[in-house]
Amino acid sequence: MLFGLAGVPVKISPHTSRGAIRSRDIAGCSVEEIVEELQPQGVTAAVLIYVTDGDSSIADVVLTL
């Protein structure tokens, strides 16, 4: 286990992973619905980010696992 790096003490702790989904199908879903539906797959949080491309808008969902 690592206790220091370059003479500086460090603390090691587990961290989360993140992933992103881009889908027109989920643009109408709430964050709560997305997390609830994906919770069995390890998703603990979601953030919706809307990206506009010309006249269309696509929702990107950033997931915390």
N, C-alpha and C. Protein backbone atom coordinates (compact mmCIF):
# COMPACT_ATOMS: atom_id res chain seq x y z
N MET A 1 0.84 -1.18 0.00
CA MET A 1 0.00 0.00 0.00
C MET A 1 0.88 1.24 0.00
N LEU A 2 0.48 2.26 -0.75
CA LEU A 2 1.23 3.49 -0.86
C LEU A 2 0.89 4.41 0.31
N PHE A 3 1.92 4.90 1.03
CA PHE A 3 1.72 5.81 2.16
C PHE A 3 2.29 7.19 1.90
N GLY A 4 3.16 7.30 0.91
CA GLY A 4 3.75 8.59 0.60
C GLY A 4 4.20 8.63 -0.85
N LEU A 5 4.30 9.84 -1.37
CA LEU A 5 4.74 10.04 -2.74
C LEU A 5 5.62 11.28 -2.75
N ALA A 6 6.88 11.11 -3.13
CA ALA A 6 7.86 12.21 -3.16
C ALA A 6 7.96 12.88 -1.79
N GLY A 7 7.91 12.08 -0.74
CA GLY A 7 8.05 12.61 0.61
C GLY A 7 6.79 13.23 1.18
N VAL A 8 5.70 13.19 0.42
CA VAL A 8 4.44 13.77 0.89
C VAL A 8 3.51 12.63 1.30
N PRO A 9 2.98 12.67 2.53
CA PRO A 9 2.05 11.62 2.94
C PRO A 9 0.79 11.65 2.09
N VAL A 10 0.30 10.48 1.72
CA VAL A 10 -0.93 10.38 0.94
C VAL A 10 -1.89 9.42 1.62
N LYS A 11 -3.16 9.62 1.38
CA LYS A 11 -4.19 8.72 1.88
C LYS A 11 -4.87 8.09 0.67
N ILE A 12 -4.96 6.79 0.66
CA ILE A 12 -5.58 6.05 -0.42
C ILE A 12 -7.01 5.72 -0.01
N SER A 13 -7.96 6.01 -0.90
CA SER A 13 -9.35 5.64 -0.64
C SER A 13 -10.02 5.30 -1.96
N PRO A 14 -11.04 4.45 -1.90
CA PRO A 14 -11.74 4.09 -3.13
C PRO A 14 -12.36 5.33 -3.77
N HIS A 15 -12.48 5.31 -5.09
CA HIS A 15 -13.11 6.41 -5.79
C HIS A 15 -14.18 5.87 -6.72
N THR A 16 -14.95 6.78 -7.25
CA THR A 16 -16.03 6.37 -8.15
C THR A 16 -15.56 6.44 -9.59
N SER A 17 -16.28 5.78 -10.42
CA SER A 17 -16.04 5.83 -11.86
C SER A 17 -17.17 6.62 -12.50
N ARG A 18 -16.87 7.22 -13.63
CA ARG A 18 -17.89 7.98 -14.34
C ARG A 18 -17.96 7.50 -15.79
N GLY A 19 -19.14 7.62 -16.34
CA GLY A 19 -19.34 7.28 -17.74
C GLY A 19 -20.34 8.25 -18.34
N ALA A 20 -20.43 8.29 -19.63
CA ALA A 20 -21.35 9.20 -20.29
C ALA A 20 -22.18 8.46 -21.33
N ILE A 21 -23.42 8.90 -21.49
CA ILE A 21 -24.33 8.34 -22.48
C ILE A 21 -24.87 9.51 -23.30
N ARG A 22 -24.91 9.36 -24.58
CA ARG A 22 -25.55 10.37 -25.45
C ARG A 22 -26.70 9.67 -26.17
N SER A 23 -27.93 10.17 -25.91
CA SER A 23 -29.10 9.53 -26.50
C SER A 23 -30.26 10.50 -26.59
N ARG A 24 -30.89 10.55 -27.75
CA ARG A 24 -32.11 11.36 -27.90
C ARG A 24 -33.26 10.73 -27.12
N ASP A 25 -33.21 9.42 -26.92
CA ASP A 25 -34.29 8.71 -26.23
C ASP A 25 -34.42 9.08 -24.76
N ILE A 26 -33.34 9.50 -24.14
CA ILE A 26 -33.40 9.82 -22.71
C ILE A 26 -33.56 11.31 -22.44
N ALA A 27 -33.68 12.11 -23.50
CA ALA A 27 -33.79 13.56 -23.33
C ALA A 27 -35.00 13.95 -22.47
N GLY A 28 -36.06 13.16 -22.50
CA GLY A 28 -37.25 13.47 -21.72
C GLY A 28 -37.28 12.84 -20.34
N CYS A 29 -36.26 12.10 -19.97
CA CYS A 29 -36.22 11.43 -18.67
C CYS A 29 -35.65 12.36 -17.60
N SER A 30 -36.15 12.22 -16.40
CA SER A 30 -35.59 12.98 -15.28
C SER A 30 -34.35 12.27 -14.76
N VAL A 31 -33.53 13.02 -14.03
CA VAL A 31 -32.34 12.43 -13.41
C VAL A 31 -32.75 11.32 -12.46
N GLU A 32 -33.82 11.56 -11.71
CA GLU A 32 -34.29 10.55 -10.75
C GLU A 32 -34.67 9.25 -11.46
N GLU A 33 -35.36 9.37 -12.60
CA GLU A 33 -35.77 8.18 -13.36
C GLU A 33 -34.55 7.43 -13.91
N ILE A 34 -33.58 8.16 -14.41
CA ILE A 34 -32.38 7.54 -14.95
C ILE A 34 -31.65 6.76 -13.87
N VAL A 35 -31.46 7.40 -12.70
CA VAL A 35 -30.75 6.73 -11.60
C VAL A 35 -31.54 5.53 -11.12
N GLU A 36 -32.85 5.67 -10.97
CA GLU A 36 -33.69 4.56 -10.50
C GLU A 36 -33.60 3.36 -11.44
N GLU A 37 -33.68 3.62 -12.75
CA GLU A 37 -33.65 2.53 -13.72
C GLU A 37 -32.27 1.88 -13.84
N LEU A 38 -31.20 2.65 -13.63
CA LEU A 38 -29.85 2.12 -13.80
C LEU A 38 -29.18 1.72 -12.48
N GLN A 39 -29.87 1.94 -11.36
CA GLN A 39 -29.32 1.60 -10.05
C GLN A 39 -28.90 0.13 -9.94
N PRO A 40 -29.68 -0.83 -10.48
CA PRO A 40 -29.24 -2.23 -10.41
C PRO A 40 -27.90 -2.48 -11.12
N GLN A 41 -27.51 -1.57 -12.01
CA GLN A 41 -26.24 -1.71 -12.73
C GLN A 41 -25.12 -0.92 -12.07
N GLY A 42 -25.38 -0.39 -10.88
CA GLY A 42 -24.34 0.29 -10.11
C GLY A 42 -24.31 1.80 -10.24
N VAL A 43 -25.29 2.40 -10.91
CA VAL A 43 -25.32 3.86 -11.05
C VAL A 43 -25.84 4.47 -9.75
N THR A 44 -25.10 5.47 -9.24
CA THR A 44 -25.49 6.12 -7.99
C THR A 44 -25.93 7.57 -8.19
N ALA A 45 -25.57 8.19 -9.32
CA ALA A 45 -25.96 9.57 -9.60
C ALA A 45 -25.89 9.82 -11.09
N ALA A 46 -26.62 10.85 -11.52
CA ALA A 46 -26.61 11.23 -12.94
C ALA A 46 -26.76 12.75 -13.05
N VAL A 47 -26.16 13.30 -14.09
CA VAL A 47 -26.29 14.73 -14.40
C VAL A 47 -26.62 14.83 -15.88
N LEU A 48 -27.66 15.60 -16.22
CA LEU A 48 -28.04 15.82 -17.61
C LEU A 48 -27.35 17.07 -18.13
N ILE A 49 -26.73 16.97 -19.29
CA ILE A 49 -26.11 18.11 -19.96
C ILE A 49 -26.69 18.13 -21.37
N TYR A 50 -27.30 19.25 -21.74
CA TYR A 50 -27.91 19.37 -23.07
C TYR A 50 -26.93 20.04 -24.03
N VAL A 51 -26.71 19.38 -25.16
CA VAL A 51 -25.81 19.88 -26.19
C VAL A 51 -26.65 20.22 -27.42
N THR A 52 -26.53 21.47 -27.88
CA THR A 52 -27.28 21.90 -29.06
C THR A 52 -26.38 21.83 -30.28
N ASP A 53 -26.89 21.17 -31.30
CA ASP A 53 -26.17 21.03 -32.56
C ASP A 53 -27.07 21.53 -33.67
N GLY A 54 -26.91 22.79 -34.06
CA GLY A 54 -27.79 23.36 -35.06
C GLY A 54 -29.17 23.54 -34.48
N ASP A 55 -30.16 22.88 -35.09
CA ASP A 55 -31.55 22.98 -34.64
C ASP A 55 -31.94 21.87 -33.67
N SER A 56 -31.07 20.90 -33.47
CA SER A 56 -31.41 19.78 -32.60
C SER A 56 -30.64 19.85 -31.29
N SER A 57 -31.22 19.22 -30.28
CA SER A 57 -30.60 19.18 -28.96
C SER A 57 -30.48 17.72 -28.52
N ILE A 58 -29.34 17.35 -28.00
CA ILE A 58 -29.10 15.98 -27.53
C ILE A 58 -28.72 16.06 -26.07
N ALA A 59 -29.26 15.15 -25.28
CA ALA A 59 -28.92 15.09 -23.86
C ALA A 59 -27.75 14.15 -23.66
N ASP A 60 -26.71 14.66 -23.03
CA ASP A 60 -25.62 13.81 -22.55
C ASP A 60 -25.89 13.55 -21.09
N VAL A 61 -25.74 12.32 -20.67
CA VAL A 61 -25.93 11.97 -19.27
C VAL A 61 -24.59 11.52 -18.72
N VAL A 62 -24.11 12.18 -17.69
CA VAL A 62 -22.89 11.77 -17.02
C VAL A 62 -23.31 10.94 -15.82
N LEU A 63 -22.86 9.70 -15.79
CA LEU A 63 -23.24 8.75 -14.74
C LEU A 63 -22.10 8.54 -13.75
N THR A 64 -22.44 8.46 -12.48
CA THR A 64 -21.47 8.08 -11.46
C THR A 64 -21.76 6.64 -11.08
N LEU A 65 -20.74 5.80 -11.15
CA LEU A 65 -20.91 4.37 -10.85
C LEU A 65 -20.32 4.02 -9.50
